[in-house]
Amino acid sequence: MTCERWHTDRVVLIGDAAHAVHPTSGMGASLALQDARVLAQELLTTTDGPPRRAFRRFERRRRPDANHIRRAARLEAAVTFLESPLLRRVRNGLTKHTPLFERFVRRTTRETGR
């Protein structure tokens, strides 16, 4: 879910307040930092007029990336939390044959302490 508009005349939303992504994506803090950087750039380059101009430009620059990451996170969550036993077996079989699988297993093992 995302806001239709991320700003008013005097307030702008960044990070999860504007474009919350699924928690499993691990992208919330990263998006917030990217938002802060772009917002700062826009505010610094807007020396005349109200800040809403900078807010509009900020949103125009950031919304496409945020939408892309949000869609990818939604897909990742759907694949991760499959309910169908058959689809889970297919997913697991495909995952075992990807080059990143061993890396994922090592990372997961370290994080869970198994």
Protein backbone atom coordinates (compact mmCIF):
# COMPACT_ATOMS: atom_id res chain seq x y z
CA MET A 1 0.00 0.00 0.00
CA THR A 2 1.27 3.45 -0.81
CA CYS A 3 0.03 6.99 -0.39
CA GLU A 4 -1.51 8.64 -3.40
CA ARG A 5 0.62 11.69 -2.71
CA TRP A 6 3.66 11.91 -0.45
CA HIS A 7 3.44 15.60 0.39
CA THR A 8 1.30 18.57 1.32
CA ASP A 9 2.34 22.20 1.11
CA ARG A 10 4.57 21.93 4.18
CA VAL A 11 5.01 18.23 4.98
CA VAL A 12 6.63 15.41 3.03
CA LEU A 13 6.64 11.71 3.84
CA ILE A 14 9.74 9.58 3.32
CA GLY A 15 10.64 5.96 3.97
CA ASP A 16 7.94 3.58 5.15
CA ALA A 17 5.56 6.47 5.80
CA ALA A 18 5.42 7.02 2.03
CA HIS A 19 6.00 3.57 0.58
CA ALA A 20 6.10 0.76 3.11
CA VAL A 21 7.65 -2.37 1.65
CA HIS A 22 7.20 -5.91 2.91
CA PRO A 23 9.41 -6.48 5.95
CA THR A 24 11.09 -9.51 4.38
CA SER A 25 12.54 -7.36 1.61
CA GLY A 26 15.04 -5.70 3.95
CA MET A 27 14.72 -2.50 1.90
CA GLY A 28 12.87 -0.17 4.32
CA ALA A 29 15.91 1.56 5.80
CA SER A 30 17.69 1.66 2.46
CA LEU A 31 14.73 3.36 0.78
CA ALA A 32 14.44 5.83 3.65
CA LEU A 33 18.12 6.78 3.29
CA GLN A 34 17.76 7.17 -0.48
CA ASP A 35 14.66 9.31 0.08
CA ALA A 36 16.49 11.51 2.57
CA ARG A 37 19.37 12.05 0.15
CA VAL A 38 17.11 12.99 -2.77
CA LEU A 39 14.90 15.20 -0.59
CA ALA A 40 17.98 17.04 0.70
CA GLN A 41 19.19 17.58 -2.88
CA GLU A 42 15.83 18.96 -3.93
CA LEU A 43 15.55 21.25 -0.91
CA LEU A 44 19.06 22.58 -1.50
CA THR A 45 18.34 23.37 -5.14
CA THR A 46 15.02 25.07 -4.40
CA THR A 47 16.04 28.52 -3.25
CA ASP A 48 12.97 30.36 -4.44
CA GLY A 49 9.36 29.62 -3.70
CA PRO A 50 7.67 27.25 -1.28
CA PRO A 51 9.12 23.85 -0.39
CA ARG A 52 6.22 22.06 -2.12
CA ARG A 53 8.14 22.48 -5.41
CA ALA A 54 11.02 20.51 -3.97
CA PHE A 55 8.55 17.99 -2.54
CA ARG A 56 6.98 17.45 -5.98
CA ARG A 57 10.35 16.95 -7.64
CA PHE A 58 11.44 14.62 -4.84
CA GLU A 59 8.34 12.48 -5.31
CA ARG A 60 8.70 12.46 -9.09
CA ARG A 61 12.29 11.21 -8.74
CA ARG A 62 11.68 8.60 -6.03
CA ARG A 63 8.27 7.11 -6.78
CA PRO A 64 9.34 4.89 -9.74
CA ASP A 65 12.14 3.21 -7.73
CA ALA A 66 9.93 2.80 -4.66
CA ASN A 67 7.14 1.26 -6.77
CA HIS A 68 9.56 -1.16 -8.39
CA ILE A 69 11.03 -2.28 -5.06
CA ARG A 70 7.59 -2.59 -3.48
CA ARG A 71 6.34 -4.82 -6.34
CA ALA A 72 9.47 -6.98 -6.15
CA ALA A 73 9.10 -7.32 -2.36
CA ARG A 74 5.46 -8.33 -2.75
CA LEU A 75 6.44 -11.04 -5.25
CA GLU A 76 9.30 -12.22 -3.03
CA ALA A 77 6.93 -12.51 -0.05
CA ALA A 78 4.37 -14.43 -2.12
CA VAL A 79 7.03 -16.92 -3.22
CA THR A 80 8.57 -17.18 0.25
CA PHE A 81 5.28 -17.87 2.03
CA LEU A 82 3.63 -20.28 -0.42
CA GLU A 83 0.79 -22.30 1.09
CA SER A 84 0.62 -25.03 -1.53
CA PRO A 85 2.87 -28.01 -0.71
CA LEU A 86 3.35 -28.69 -4.43
CA LEU A 87 4.42 -25.11 -5.18
CA ARG A 88 6.77 -25.14 -2.17
CA ARG A 89 8.45 -28.29 -3.52
CA VAL A 90 8.84 -26.66 -6.95
CA ARG A 91 10.24 -23.48 -5.37
CA ASN A 92 12.64 -25.44 -3.18
CA GLY A 93 13.80 -27.57 -6.12
CA LEU A 94 14.48 -24.50 -8.25
CA THR A 95 16.20 -22.71 -5.39
CA LYS A 96 18.61 -25.58 -4.80
CA HIS A 97 19.87 -25.22 -8.37
CA THR A 98 20.67 -21.52 -8.26
CA PRO A 99 24.23 -20.27 -7.72
CA LEU A 100 23.16 -18.19 -4.72
CA PHE A 101 21.53 -21.05 -2.83
CA GLU A 102 24.67 -22.08 -0.92
CA ARG A 103 25.33 -18.48 0.03
CA PHE A 104 21.75 -18.12 1.26
CA VAL A 105 22.02 -21.31 3.33
CA ARG A 106 25.27 -20.15 4.93
CA ARG A 107 23.81 -16.75 5.78
CA THR A 108 20.60 -18.23 7.16
CA THR A 109 22.54 -20.74 9.23
CA ARG A 110 24.70 -17.96 10.72
CA GLU A 111 21.65 -15.80 11.52
CA THR A 112 19.63 -18.57 13.16
CA GLY A 113 22.59 -20.15 14.94
CA ARG A 114 21.90 -23.63 13.53
